[in-house]
Structure formats: structure tokens, C-alpha cells
Protein backbone atom coordinates (compact mmCIF):
# COMPACT_ATOMS: atom_id res chain seq x y z
CA UNK A 1 -3.63 24.59 8.17
CA UNK A 2 -0.57 22.43 6.60
CA UNK A 3 -0.07 20.16 9.88
CA UNK A 4 -4.02 19.36 10.51
CA UNK A 5 -4.74 18.76 6.53
CA UNK A 6 -1.88 16.66 6.40
CA UNK A 7 -3.14 14.24 9.65
CA UNK A 8 -6.28 14.32 7.45
CA UNK A 9 -4.83 12.68 4.89
CA UNK A 10 -3.02 10.30 6.92
CA UNK A 11 -5.73 9.29 9.58
CA UNK A 12 -8.05 9.07 5.94
CA UNK A 13 -5.45 6.73 4.04
CA UNK A 14 -4.97 4.64 6.88
CA UNK A 15 -8.41 3.72 7.71
CA UNK A 16 -8.84 2.84 3.60
CA UNK A 17 -6.25 0.13 4.24
CA UNK A 18 -7.72 -0.35 7.61
CA UNK A 19 -11.14 -0.92 5.94
CA UNK A 20 -9.52 -3.18 2.26
CA UNK A 21 -8.13 -5.27 4.43
CA UNK A 22 -11.36 -5.68 6.93
CA UNK A 23 -13.08 -6.08 3.50
CA UNK A 24 -11.14 -9.01 2.24
CA UNK A 25 -10.64 -10.64 5.90
CA UNK A 26 -14.80 -10.83 5.74
CA UNK A 27 -15.62 -11.38 2.78
CA UNK A 28 -12.49 -13.45 1.07
CA UNK A 29 -10.67 -13.39 -2.11
CA UNK A 30 -14.24 -14.26 -4.15
CA UNK A 31 -15.24 -11.07 -3.50
CA UNK A 32 -12.84 -9.26 -4.51
CA UNK A 33 -13.91 -7.03 -7.79
CA UNK A 34 -16.74 -5.96 -5.52
CA UNK A 35 -14.38 -4.38 -2.64
CA UNK A 36 -12.62 -2.90 -5.78
CA UNK A 37 -15.92 -1.45 -7.13
CA UNK A 38 -16.81 0.14 -3.34
CA UNK A 39 -13.21 1.38 -3.03
CA UNK A 40 -12.94 3.62 -5.94
CA UNK A 41 -14.54 6.57 -4.80
CA UNK A 42 -13.07 6.26 -1.93
CA UNK A 43 -9.23 6.18 -3.83
CA UNK A 44 -10.71 9.15 -5.49
CA UNK A 45 -11.53 11.26 -2.19
CA UNK A 46 -7.94 10.37 -1.41
CA UNK A 47 -6.70 11.63 -4.72
CA UNK A 48 -9.09 15.03 -4.75
CA UNK A 49 -7.53 15.62 -0.52
CA UNK A 50 -3.58 14.97 -2.27
CA UNK A 51 -4.37 17.75 -4.26
CA UNK A 52 -5.98 21.18 -2.06
CA UNK A 53 -3.11 19.17 0.67
CA UNK A 54 -0.67 20.26 -2.26
CA UNK A 55 -2.10 23.37 -3.08
CA UNK A 56 -2.85 24.50 1.11
CA UNK A 57 0.95 23.85 1.04
CA UNK A 58 1.85 26.03 -1.48
CA UNK A 59 -0.15 28.47 -0.22
CA UNK A 60 1.36 28.33 3.07
CA UNK A 61 5.00 28.53 1.60
CA UNK A 62 3.50 31.46 -0.71
CA UNK A 63 2.00 33.38 2.89
CA UNK A 64 5.65 33.11 4.08
CA UNK A 65 7.70 34.32 2.13
CA UNK A 66 5.20 37.08 1.82
CA UNK A 67 5.41 38.01 5.35
CA UNK A 68 8.42 37.43 7.01
CA UNK A 69 11.06 37.30 3.32
CA UNK A 70 8.92 40.46 2.47
CA UNK A 71 9.17 38.78 -1.13
CA UNK A 72 6.47 40.34 -4.23
CA UNK A 73 3.80 37.52 -4.85
CA UNK A 74 0.27 37.98 -7.65
CA UNK A 75 -1.53 37.13 -4.55
CA UNK A 76 -5.30 37.78 -6.58
CA UNK A 77 -3.90 35.57 -8.94
CA UNK A 78 -2.48 33.37 -5.97
CA UNK A 79 -6.55 32.86 -5.11
CA UNK A 80 -8.40 33.06 -7.99
CA UNK A 81 -6.72 30.34 -8.72
CA UNK A 82 -7.32 28.77 -5.57
CA UNK A 83 -10.30 29.53 -5.00
CA UNK A 84 -11.14 28.31 -8.35
CA UNK A 85 -9.12 24.61 -7.14
CA UNK A 86 -11.54 24.68 -3.39
CA UNK A 87 -14.52 24.73 -5.52
CA UNK A 88 -13.92 22.25 -8.49
CA UNK A 89 -12.68 19.85 -5.47
CA UNK A 90 -15.81 20.45 -3.21
CA UNK A 91 -18.26 19.59 -6.91
CA UNK A 92 -16.22 16.30 -7.55
CA UNK A 93 -16.44 15.64 -3.39
CA UNK A 94 -19.35 16.53 -3.98
CA UNK A 95 -20.37 13.96 -7.18
CA UNK A 96 -18.06 11.07 -5.07
CA UNK A 97 -20.02 11.10 -2.21
CA UNK A 98 -24.03 11.12 -3.43
CA UNK A 99 -22.26 8.07 -5.57
CA UNK A 100 -20.45 7.00 -2.46
CA UNK A 101 -24.48 6.73 -0.75
CA UNK A 102 -27.31 6.15 -2.87
CA UNK A 103 -25.52 4.98 -6.17
CA UNK A 104 -22.62 2.51 -5.09
CA UNK A 105 -24.96 0.74 -2.77
CA UNK A 106 -27.90 0.33 -4.88
CA UNK A 107 -25.07 -1.36 -7.99
CA UNK A 108 -23.59 -3.65 -5.96
CA UNK A 109 -26.86 -4.80 -4.63
CA UNK A 110 -27.77 -5.74 -7.48
CA UNK A 111 -24.48 -7.57 -8.13
CA UNK A 112 -24.62 -9.35 -5.89
């Protein structure tokens, strides 16, 4: 899971940087405030993905230690914490997606 999550994170960051570059090139420097408003949900999404990547990496390390080094962990607490984090990030991601799809284009149309 960790290599796949890391690859997805790196690809999202590359896509975001390319998107910012192309928007600045096409819309010129005058519209940088609009570009920043447009990019805020994507930046929040990448930050949430980074938090999820950190916890999934930590969870993988704990599972490795549990299976191969026979260390004792309170798995119920760890799974409960990871599940709560996953649900919170899922809800935030849903709100950000709705904001990005419905609210943001209307806001930018109104401002431009």
C-alpha cells in the first residue's frame, strides 16, 4: 500500500504544479488571484492525502513489526484511530469535491 499511496501523492503534486503553470501561462499574471482561489481546494486535497499517506505508512510499519518482529501493539486502538482519520478525510474530501465542482465555477464566473 505504501508505494502505491506515495506514487499517487507524487503524481497529484506533479499534476497540480503543471496545472498551475499552464493556467498562469494561458491566463497571464493578471489573473493570479483567480488561479489561487481555483487551486485552494486542490491544495487542501493534497494536504489531506499527505496526512493519509503518513498514517498509512505508520500503519504499515506497525503491521511489519507485529508480523516479523513479534512486537505487541494495541491493534484495536490503532485501527480505531486510523478508521476515524479515514472517515474524517473522506468527509472532508467529499465537501471539497462538491466545492470544487459546484461552488467554485459559479464563484469564478461571478468574479470574472
